[in-house]
Amino acid sequence: MATSDKSRVALGQWGERRVARHYESAGYVVVDLNWRVRGGELDLVMTRGDEIVFCEVKTRSSGRFGSGFEAVDERKQRFLRRTAMSWLDVHGRRGRLRFDVATVTGPRIEIIEAAF
């Protein structure tokens, strides 16, 4: 992996940990971080009560190339739904589902709950 790839991965992991701590402080339980299955990955899977929340996290070092929200287009949303269904099957879980999108730009975290 090239140095820039490593730093991009490290930046993404840093953002995911920040968002996970944000959710935990709001009473959520982080069940999985970077859950992988063939052909897919979920950044964060959390629960609170009977609700299961899947959160896609986009971390940017600046807003120069647009918002992280813009990267979660219809194609990415279908992919996330499909991967979430795999997670539910593997874990034998059911409940109310919610798909959030979080962006981390520098020190700022923005979350759109029930984004799609």
Protein backbone atom coordinates (compact mmCIF):
# COMPACT_ATOMS: atom_id res chain seq x y z
CA MET A 1 0.00 0.00 0.00
CA ALA A 2 1.39 3.41 -0.96
CA THR A 3 2.03 5.99 1.75
CA SER A 4 -0.90 8.16 0.60
CA ASP A 5 -3.17 5.08 0.70
CA LYS A 6 -2.03 4.36 4.28
CA SER A 7 -2.66 7.93 5.38
CA ARG A 8 -6.11 7.91 3.73
CA VAL A 9 -6.98 4.65 5.52
CA ALA A 10 -5.68 6.07 8.82
CA LEU A 11 -7.76 9.24 8.33
CA GLY A 12 -10.86 7.14 7.65
CA GLN A 13 -10.30 5.00 10.74
CA TRP A 14 -9.76 8.10 12.86
CA GLY A 15 -13.08 9.54 11.64
CA GLU A 16 -14.92 6.28 12.27
CA ARG A 17 -13.63 6.14 15.86
CA ARG A 18 -14.71 9.75 16.46
CA VAL A 19 -18.20 9.05 15.14
CA ALA A 20 -18.43 5.85 17.21
CA ARG A 21 -17.57 7.82 20.38
CA HIS A 22 -20.19 10.42 19.44
CA TYR A 23 -22.89 7.75 19.17
CA GLU A 24 -21.76 6.07 22.40
CA SER A 25 -22.08 9.38 24.25
CA ALA A 26 -25.68 9.53 22.97
CA GLY A 27 -26.49 6.11 24.45
CA TYR A 28 -25.85 3.83 21.48
CA VAL A 29 -23.94 0.55 21.76
CA VAL A 30 -21.38 0.02 18.99
CA VAL A 31 -21.81 -3.60 17.92
CA ASP A 32 -19.43 -3.64 14.95
CA LEU A 33 -16.79 -1.35 13.52
CA ASN A 34 -15.63 -2.05 9.95
CA TRP A 35 -17.66 -5.26 9.60
CA ARG A 36 -16.65 -7.02 6.40
CA VAL A 37 -18.30 -9.64 4.29
CA ARG A 38 -17.35 -10.73 0.80
CA GLY A 39 -18.08 -7.75 -1.39
CA GLY A 40 -18.95 -5.29 1.33
CA GLU A 41 -18.14 -3.39 4.49
CA LEU A 42 -20.19 -1.53 7.07
CA ASP A 43 -18.37 1.28 8.86
CA LEU A 44 -20.47 1.29 12.04
CA VAL A 45 -23.28 -0.90 13.33
CA MET A 46 -24.94 0.25 16.54
CA THR A 47 -28.00 -0.46 18.61
CA ARG A 48 -30.15 1.53 20.97
CA GLY A 49 -33.21 -0.21 22.29
CA ASP A 50 -34.71 -2.28 19.46
CA GLU A 51 -33.24 -0.04 16.76
CA ILE A 52 -30.27 -1.14 14.66
CA VAL A 53 -28.33 1.72 13.07
CA PHE A 54 -25.96 1.30 10.15
CA CYS A 55 -23.77 4.38 9.68
CA GLU A 56 -21.61 5.14 6.68
CA VAL A 57 -18.76 7.46 7.69
CA LYS A 58 -16.97 9.75 5.26
CA THR A 59 -13.90 11.53 6.57
CA ARG A 60 -12.32 14.43 4.73
CA SER A 61 -9.26 16.46 5.61
CA SER A 62 -11.02 19.50 4.10
CA GLY A 63 -14.17 20.41 2.20
CA ARG A 64 -12.14 21.19 -0.92
CA PHE A 65 -13.44 18.18 -2.86
CA GLY A 66 -17.05 18.38 -1.74
CA SER A 67 -19.08 16.96 1.08
CA GLY A 68 -18.79 13.36 2.19
CA PHE A 69 -22.59 13.21 2.00
CA GLU A 70 -22.37 13.54 -1.80
CA ALA A 71 -20.37 10.29 -1.96
CA VAL A 72 -23.32 8.25 -0.66
CA ASP A 73 -25.28 8.15 -3.90
CA GLU A 74 -28.08 5.75 -4.87
CA ARG A 75 -25.62 3.05 -5.92
CA LYS A 76 -23.78 3.24 -2.59
CA GLN A 77 -27.11 3.20 -0.73
CA ARG A 78 -28.17 -0.04 -2.49
CA PHE A 79 -24.78 -1.55 -1.65
CA LEU A 80 -25.13 -0.57 2.02
CA ARG A 81 -28.67 -1.98 2.24
CA ARG A 82 -27.51 -5.27 0.74
CA THR A 83 -24.52 -5.46 3.10
CA ALA A 84 -26.75 -4.62 6.08
CA MET A 85 -29.08 -7.49 5.14
CA SER A 86 -26.03 -9.80 5.20
CA TRP A 87 -25.12 -8.49 8.65
CA LEU A 88 -28.65 -9.15 9.92
CA ASP A 89 -28.60 -12.69 8.50
CA VAL A 90 -25.16 -13.52 9.95
CA HIS A 91 -26.08 -12.17 13.39
CA GLY A 92 -29.68 -13.42 13.44
CA ARG A 93 -30.83 -9.94 14.41
CA ARG A 94 -34.06 -8.14 13.69
CA GLY A 95 -35.43 -4.77 14.72
CA ARG A 96 -36.15 -1.33 13.38
CA LEU A 97 -33.44 -0.34 10.92
CA ARG A 98 -31.96 3.06 10.28
CA PHE A 99 -29.27 4.16 7.85
CA ASP A 100 -27.27 7.23 8.87
CA VAL A 101 -24.48 9.04 7.07
CA ALA A 102 -21.79 10.87 9.01
CA THR A 103 -19.12 13.20 7.70
CA VAL A 104 -16.02 14.21 9.59
CA THR A 105 -14.17 17.25 8.27
CA GLY A 106 -11.36 18.30 10.54
CA PRO A 107 -12.84 18.68 14.03
CA ARG A 108 -16.45 18.83 12.81
CA ILE A 109 -18.86 15.87 12.81
CA GLU A 110 -22.16 16.07 10.96
CA ILE A 111 -24.70 13.26 10.98
CA ILE A 112 -27.81 12.82 8.89
CA GLU A 113 -30.02 10.35 10.72
CA ALA A 114 -32.30 8.20 8.56
CA ALA A 115 -30.47 9.54 5.52
CA PHE A 116 -32.01 6.92 3.23
